[in-house]
Structures are given as structure tokens and as C-alpha cells.
Amino acid sequence: MMTARAAFAGSSLWFLGNPTSARMHEGAIAFTATTPGTYRYLCPVPGHAQKGMVGTFTVR
């Protein structure tokens, strides 16, 4: 369960939607990253972030 708030408004996706024809779930977000820094993003599927499905991006 995620307890921290998102770093940027609109940058969270808590529901992946209905399955696609390939039986995969997908979701899309768009946001403006306005504060410089390095940020982490996590896979929202339960258990995936704990297994390493995470990444980072840098705002300059």
C-alpha cells in the first residue's frame, strides 16, 4: 500500500483499468514535473514494486 503523496499533481495511477485484448492491464498519466530533483516511480500492481519494478527519473 502506498502511503506517501505524489510528488506532482496528476502523477499517480492507482487503478490500471480493464484488461486489453492481450489480457494485460494498462494505464496512462500526464503531468508536469516542475521541481528539479530525482524521483522514484513504482509499479502499482500489488507486490511488483517489492520485487524490483521501480525506476527513477530526473527533472532538471
PDB file of N, CA and C in Angstrom:
ATOM      1  N   MET A   1       0.834  -1.176   0.000  1.00  0.00           N
ATOM      2  CA  MET A   1       0.000   0.000   0.000  1.00  0.00           C
ATOM      3  C   MET A   1       0.879   1.240   0.000  1.00  0.00           C
ATOM      4  N   MET A   2       0.534   2.176  -0.831  1.00  0.00           N
ATOM      5  CA  MET A   2       1.275   3.422  -0.910  1.00  0.00           C
ATOM      6  C   MET A   2       0.703   4.401   0.113  1.00  0.00           C
ATOM      7  N   THR A   3       1.589   5.017   0.873  1.00  0.00           N
ATOM      8  CA  THR A   3       1.119   5.968   1.877  1.00  0.00           C
ATOM      9  C   THR A   3       1.644   7.379   1.639  1.00  0.00           C
ATOM     10  N   ALA A   4       2.685   7.545   0.850  1.00  0.00           N
ATOM     11  CA  ALA A   4       3.221   8.881   0.568  1.00  0.00           C
ATOM     12  C   ALA A   4       2.389   9.540  -0.524  1.00  0.00           C
ATOM     13  N   ARG A   5       2.308  10.855  -0.467  1.00  0.00           N
ATOM     14  CA  ARG A   5       1.571  11.553  -1.523  1.00  0.00           C
ATOM     15  C   ARG A   5       2.466  11.714  -2.751  1.00  0.00           C
ATOM     16  N   ALA A   6       1.844  11.898  -3.890  1.00  0.00           N
ATOM     17  CA  ALA A   6       2.576  12.047  -5.149  1.00  0.00           C
ATOM     18  C   ALA A   6       3.400  13.332  -5.140  1.00  0.00           C
ATOM     19  N   ALA A   7       4.548  13.296  -5.789  1.00  0.00           N
ATOM     20  CA  ALA A   7       5.427  14.468  -5.853  1.00  0.00           C
ATOM     21  C   ALA A   7       4.840  15.574  -6.722  1.00  0.00           C
ATOM     22  N   PHE A   8       4.051  15.208  -7.738  1.00  0.00           N
ATOM     23  CA  PHE A   8       3.462  16.173  -8.661  1.00  0.00           C
ATOM     24  C   PHE A   8       1.990  15.849  -8.840  1.00  0.00           C
ATOM     25  N   ALA A   9       1.168  16.879  -8.902  1.00  0.00           N
ATOM     26  CA  ALA A   9      -0.264  16.681  -9.110  1.00  0.00           C
ATOM     27  C   ALA A   9      -0.497  15.897 -10.399  1.00  0.00           C
ATOM     28  N   GLY A  10      -1.336  14.880 -10.331  1.00  0.00           N
ATOM     29  CA  GLY A  10      -1.660  14.084 -11.511  1.00  0.00           C
ATOM     30  C   GLY A  10      -0.669  12.999 -11.838  1.00  0.00           C
ATOM     31  N   SER A  11       0.335  12.782 -10.995  1.00  0.00           N
ATOM     32  CA  SER A  11       1.384  11.807 -11.325  1.00  0.00           C
ATOM     33  C   SER A  11       1.153  10.433 -10.710  1.00  0.00           C
ATOM     34  N   SER A  12      -0.045  10.182 -10.210  1.00  0.00           N
ATOM     35  CA  SER A  12      -0.329   8.874  -9.609  1.00  0.00           C
ATOM     36  C   SER A  12      -1.386   8.139 -10.404  1.00  0.00           C
ATOM     37  N   LEU A  13      -1.230   6.847 -10.469  1.00  0.00           N
ATOM     38  CA  LEU A  13      -2.208   5.984 -11.119  1.00  0.00           C
ATOM     39  C   LEU A  13      -2.458   4.826 -10.172  1.00  0.00           C
ATOM     40  N   TRP A  14      -3.617   4.789  -9.557  1.00  0.00           N
ATOM     41  CA  TRP A  14      -3.894   3.769  -8.541  1.00  0.00           C
ATOM     42  C   TRP A  14      -4.742   2.638  -9.075  1.00  0.00           C
ATOM     43  N   PHE A  15      -5.282   2.770 -10.272  1.00  0.00           N
ATOM     44  CA  PHE A  15      -6.107   1.726 -10.859  1.00  0.00           C
ATOM     45  C   PHE A  15      -5.663   1.545 -12.298  1.00  0.00           C
ATOM     46  N   LEU A  16      -5.393   0.325 -12.699  1.00  0.00           N
ATOM     47  CA  LEU A  16      -4.856   0.069 -14.039  1.00  0.00           C
ATOM     48  C   LEU A  16      -5.919  -0.137 -15.101  1.00  0.00           C
ATOM     49  N   GLY A  17      -7.179  -0.064 -14.770  1.00  0.00           N
ATOM     50  CA  GLY A  17      -8.218  -0.169 -15.786  1.00  0.00           C
ATOM     51  C   GLY A  17      -8.534  -1.597 -16.182  1.00  0.00           C
ATOM     52  N   ASN A  18      -9.331  -1.713 -17.203  1.00  0.00           N
ATOM     53  CA  ASN A  18      -9.772  -3.023 -17.680  1.00  0.00           C
ATOM     54  C   ASN A  18      -8.699  -3.669 -18.541  1.00  0.00           C
ATOM     55  N   PRO A  19      -8.688  -5.005 -18.610  1.00  0.00           N
ATOM     56  CA  PRO A  19      -7.676  -5.685 -19.427  1.00  0.00           C
ATOM     57  C   PRO A  19      -7.797  -5.333 -20.907  1.00  0.00           C
ATOM     58  N   THR A  20      -6.674  -5.306 -21.593  1.00  0.00           N
ATOM     59  CA  THR A  20      -6.640  -5.112 -23.046  1.00  0.00           C
ATOM     60  C   THR A  20      -6.960  -6.438 -23.720  1.00  0.00           C
ATOM     61  N   SER A  21      -6.974  -6.452 -25.047  1.00  0.00           N
ATOM     62  CA  SER A  21      -7.226  -7.691 -25.779  1.00  0.00           C
ATOM     63  C   SER A  21      -6.139  -8.727 -25.518  1.00  0.00           C
ATOM     64  N   ALA A  22      -4.953  -8.291 -25.100  1.00  0.00           N
ATOM     65  CA  ALA A  22      -3.856  -9.208 -24.768  1.00  0.00           C
ATOM     66  C   ALA A  22      -3.912  -9.630 -23.293  1.00  0.00           C
ATOM     67  N   ARG A  23      -5.010  -9.285 -22.616  1.00  0.00           N
ATOM     68  CA  ARG A  23      -5.227  -9.625 -21.207  1.00  0.00           C
ATOM     69  C   ARG A  23      -4.226  -8.969 -20.257  1.00  0.00           C
ATOM     70  N   MET A  24      -3.704  -7.846 -20.681  1.00  0.00           N
ATOM     71  CA  MET A  24      -2.804  -7.063 -19.838  1.00  0.00           C
ATOM     72  C   MET A  24      -3.547  -5.801 -19.422  1.00  0.00           C
ATOM     73  N   HIS A  25      -3.221  -5.288 -18.259  1.00  0.00           N
ATOM     74  CA  HIS A  25      -3.809  -4.031 -17.820  1.00  0.00           C
ATOM     75  C   HIS A  25      -2.872  -2.899 -18.207  1.00  0.00           C
ATOM     76  N   GLU A  26      -3.447  -1.761 -18.486  1.00  0.00           N
ATOM     77  CA  GLU A  26      -2.630  -0.615 -18.842  1.00  0.00           C
ATOM     78  C   GLU A  26      -3.245   0.651 -18.282  1.00  0.00           C
ATOM     79  N   GLY A  27      -2.424   1.652 -18.170  1.00  0.00           N
ATOM     80  CA  GLY A  27      -2.892   2.953 -17.719  1.00  0.00           C
ATOM     81  C   GLY A  27      -1.939   4.012 -18.223  1.00  0.00           C
ATOM     82  N   ALA A  28      -2.418   5.227 -18.335  1.00  0.00           N
ATOM     83  CA  ALA A  28      -1.581   6.339 -18.800  1.00  0.00           C
ATOM     84  C   ALA A  28      -1.818   7.542 -17.909  1.00  0.00           C
ATOM     85  N   ILE A  29      -0.774   8.295 -17.700  1.00  0.00           N
ATOM     86  CA  ILE A  29      -0.872   9.545 -16.950  1.00  0.00           C
ATOM     87  C   ILE A  29      -0.093  10.619 -17.698  1.00  0.00           C
ATOM     88  N   ALA A  30      -0.448  11.860 -17.448  1.00  0.00           N
ATOM     89  CA  ALA A  30       0.300  13.001 -17.974  1.00  0.00           C
ATOM     90  C   ALA A  30       0.353  14.038 -16.863  1.00  0.00           C
ATOM     91  N   PHE A  31       1.536  14.564 -16.626  1.00  0.00           N
ATOM     92  CA  PHE A  31       1.701  15.568 -15.595  1.00  0.00           C
ATOM     93  C   PHE A  31       2.893  16.430 -15.938  1.00  0.00           C
ATOM     94  N   THR A  32       2.997  17.575 -15.300  1.00  0.00           N
ATOM     95  CA  THR A  32       4.130  18.476 -15.488  1.00  0.00           C
ATOM     96  C   THR A  32       5.003  18.410 -14.241  1.00  0.00           C
ATOM     97  N   ALA A  33       6.229  18.007 -14.430  1.00  0.00           N
ATOM     98  CA  ALA A  33       7.195  17.928 -13.331  1.00  0.00           C
ATOM     99  C   ALA A  33       7.876  19.287 -13.223  1.00  0.00           C
ATOM    100  N   THR A  34       7.585  20.016 -12.149  1.00  0.00           N
ATOM    101  CA  THR A  34       8.029  21.404 -12.041  1.00  0.00           C
ATOM    102  C   THR A  34       9.161  21.644 -11.056  1.00  0.00           C
ATOM    103  N   THR A  35       9.465  20.669 -10.218  1.00  0.00           N
ATOM    104  CA  THR A  35      10.503  20.855  -9.208  1.00  0.00           C
ATOM    105  C   THR A  35      11.701  19.976  -9.535  1.00  0.00           C
ATOM    106  N   PRO A  36      12.889  20.568  -9.773  1.00  0.00           N
ATOM    107  CA  PRO A  36      14.066  19.764 -10.086  1.00  0.00           C
ATOM    108  C   PRO A  36      14.371  18.741  -8.987  1.00  0.00           C
ATOM    109  N   GLY A  37      14.884  17.615  -9.402  1.00  0.00           N
ATOM    110  CA  GLY A  37      15.261  16.564  -8.467  1.00  0.00           C
ATOM    111  C   GLY A  37      15.178  15.205  -9.119  1.00  0.00           C
ATOM    112  N   THR A  38      15.506  14.180  -8.379  1.00  0.00           N
ATOM    113  CA  THR A  38      15.399  12.801  -8.844  1.00  0.00           C
ATOM    114  C   THR A  38      14.265  12.146  -8.080  1.00  0.00           C
ATOM    115  N   TYR A  39      13.372  11.495  -8.813  1.00  0.00           N
ATOM    116  CA  TYR A  39      12.163  10.923  -8.248  1.00  0.00           C
ATOM    117  C   TYR A  39      12.052   9.447  -8.604  1.00  0.00           C
ATOM    118  N   ARG A  40      11.443   8.690  -7.719  1.00  0.00           N
ATOM    119  CA  ARG A  40      11.198   7.265  -7.961  1.00  0.00           C
ATOM    120  C   ARG A  40       9.782   7.070  -8.470  1.00  0.00           C
ATOM    121  N   TYR A  41       9.605   6.068  -9.299  1.00  0.00           N
ATOM    122  CA  TYR A  41       8.254   5.637  -9.654  1.00  0.00           C
ATOM    123  C   TYR A  41       8.168   4.143  -9.398  1.00  0.00           C
ATOM    124  N   LEU A  42       6.988   3.693  -9.052  1.00  0.00           N
ATOM    125  CA  LEU A  42       6.756   2.315  -8.648  1.00  0.00           C
ATOM    126  C   LEU A  42       5.648   1.703  -9.477  1.00  0.00           C
ATOM    127  N   CYS A  43       5.749   0.422  -9.746  1.00  0.00           N
ATOM    128  CA  CYS A  43       4.660  -0.302 -10.390  1.00  0.00           C
ATOM    129  C   CYS A  43       3.507  -0.375  -9.388  1.00  0.00           C
ATOM    130  N   PRO A  44       2.279  -0.023  -9.798  1.00  0.00           N
ATOM    131  CA  PRO A  44       1.156  -0.035  -8.866  1.00  0.00           C
ATOM    132  C   PRO A  44       0.533  -1.413  -8.639  1.00  0.00           C
ATOM    133  N   VAL A  45       0.995  -2.422  -9.354  1.00  0.00           N
ATOM    134  CA  VAL A  45       0.448  -3.765  -9.156  1.00  0.00           C
ATOM    135  C   VAL A  45       0.949  -4.297  -7.815  1.00  0.00           C
ATOM    136  N   PRO A  46       0.049  -4.774  -6.956  1.00  0.00           N
ATOM    137  CA  PRO A  46       0.466  -5.259  -5.638  1.00  0.00           C
ATOM    138  C   PRO A  46       1.624  -6.263  -5.717  1.00  0.00           C
ATOM    139  N   GLY A  47       2.669  -5.995  -4.945  1.00  0.00           N
ATOM    140  CA  GLY A  47       3.828  -6.874  -4.865  1.00  0.00           C
ATOM    141  C   GLY A  47       4.912  -6.614  -5.895  1.00  0.00           C
ATOM    142  N   HIS A  48       4.603  -5.911  -6.972  1.00  0.00           N
ATOM    143  CA  HIS A  48       5.590  -5.711  -8.036  1.00  0.00           C
ATOM    144  C   HIS A  48       6.731  -4.783  -7.613  1.00  0.00           C
ATOM    145  N   ALA A  49       6.428  -3.675  -6.951  1.00  0.00           N
ATOM    146  CA  ALA A  49       7.492  -2.758  -6.520  1.00  0.00           C
ATOM    147  C   ALA A  49       8.447  -3.460  -5.563  1.00  0.00           C
ATOM    148  N   GLN A  50       7.910  -4.297  -4.681  1.00  0.00           N
ATOM    149  CA  GLN A  50       8.746  -5.028  -3.735  1.00  0.00           C
ATOM    150  C   GLN A  50       9.677  -6.007  -4.451  1.00  0.00           C
ATOM    151  N   LYS A  51       9.294  -6.409  -5.667  1.00  0.00           N
ATOM    152  CA  LYS A  51      10.121  -7.339  -6.447  1.00  0.00           C
ATOM    153  C   LYS A  51      11.016  -6.616  -7.447  1.00  0.00           C
ATOM    154  N   GLY A  52      11.089  -5.286  -7.338  1.00  0.00           N
ATOM    155  CA  GLY A  52      12.035  -4.545  -8.166  1.00  0.00           C
ATOM    156  C   GLY A  52      11.453  -3.770  -9.327  1.00  0.00           C
ATOM    157  N   MET A  53      10.144  -3.754  -9.503  1.00  0.00           N
ATOM    158  CA  MET A  53       9.550  -2.997 -10.612  1.00  0.00           C
ATOM    159  C   MET A  53       9.426  -1.534 -10.207  1.00  0.00           C
ATOM    160  N   VAL A  54      10.565  -0.856 -10.193  1.00  0.00           N
ATOM    161  CA  VAL A  54      10.676   0.552  -9.814  1.00  0.00           C
ATOM    162  C   VAL A  54      11.642   1.228 -10.785  1.00  0.00           C
ATOM    163  N   GLY A  55      11.640   2.521 -10.813  1.00  0.00           N
ATOM    164  CA  GLY A  55      12.585   3.264 -11.641  1.00  0.00           C
ATOM    165  C   GLY A  55      12.741   4.660 -11.095  1.00  0.00           C
ATOM    166  N   THR A  56      13.554   5.456 -11.772  1.00  0.00           N
ATOM    167  CA  THR A  56      13.746   6.852 -11.389  1.00  0.00           C
ATOM    168  C   THR A  56      13.695   7.739 -12.616  1.00  0.00           C
ATOM    169  N   PHE A  57      13.381   8.992 -12.396  1.00  0.00           N
ATOM    170  CA  PHE A  57      13.521   9.988 -13.453  1.00  0.00           C
ATOM    171  C   PHE A  57      14.050  11.267 -12.824  1.00  0.00           C
ATOM    172  N   THR A  58      14.730  12.067 -13.630  1.00  0.00           N
ATOM    173  CA  THR A  58      15.347  13.288 -13.147  1.00  0.00           C
ATOM    174  C   THR A  58      14.725  14.487 -13.841  1.00  0.00           C
ATOM    175  N   VAL A  59      14.375  15.479 -13.055  1.00  0.00           N
ATOM    176  CA  VAL A  59      13.851  16.748 -13.569  1.00  0.00           C
ATOM    177  C   VAL A  59      14.965  17.775 -13.391  1.00  0.00           C
ATOM    178  N   ARG A  60      15.300  18.472 -14.467  1.00  0.00           N
ATOM    179  CA  ARG A  60      16.365  19.480 -14.416  1.00  0.00           C
ATOM    180  C   ARG A  60      15.810  20.846 -14.680  1.00  0.00           C
TER     181      ARG A  60
END
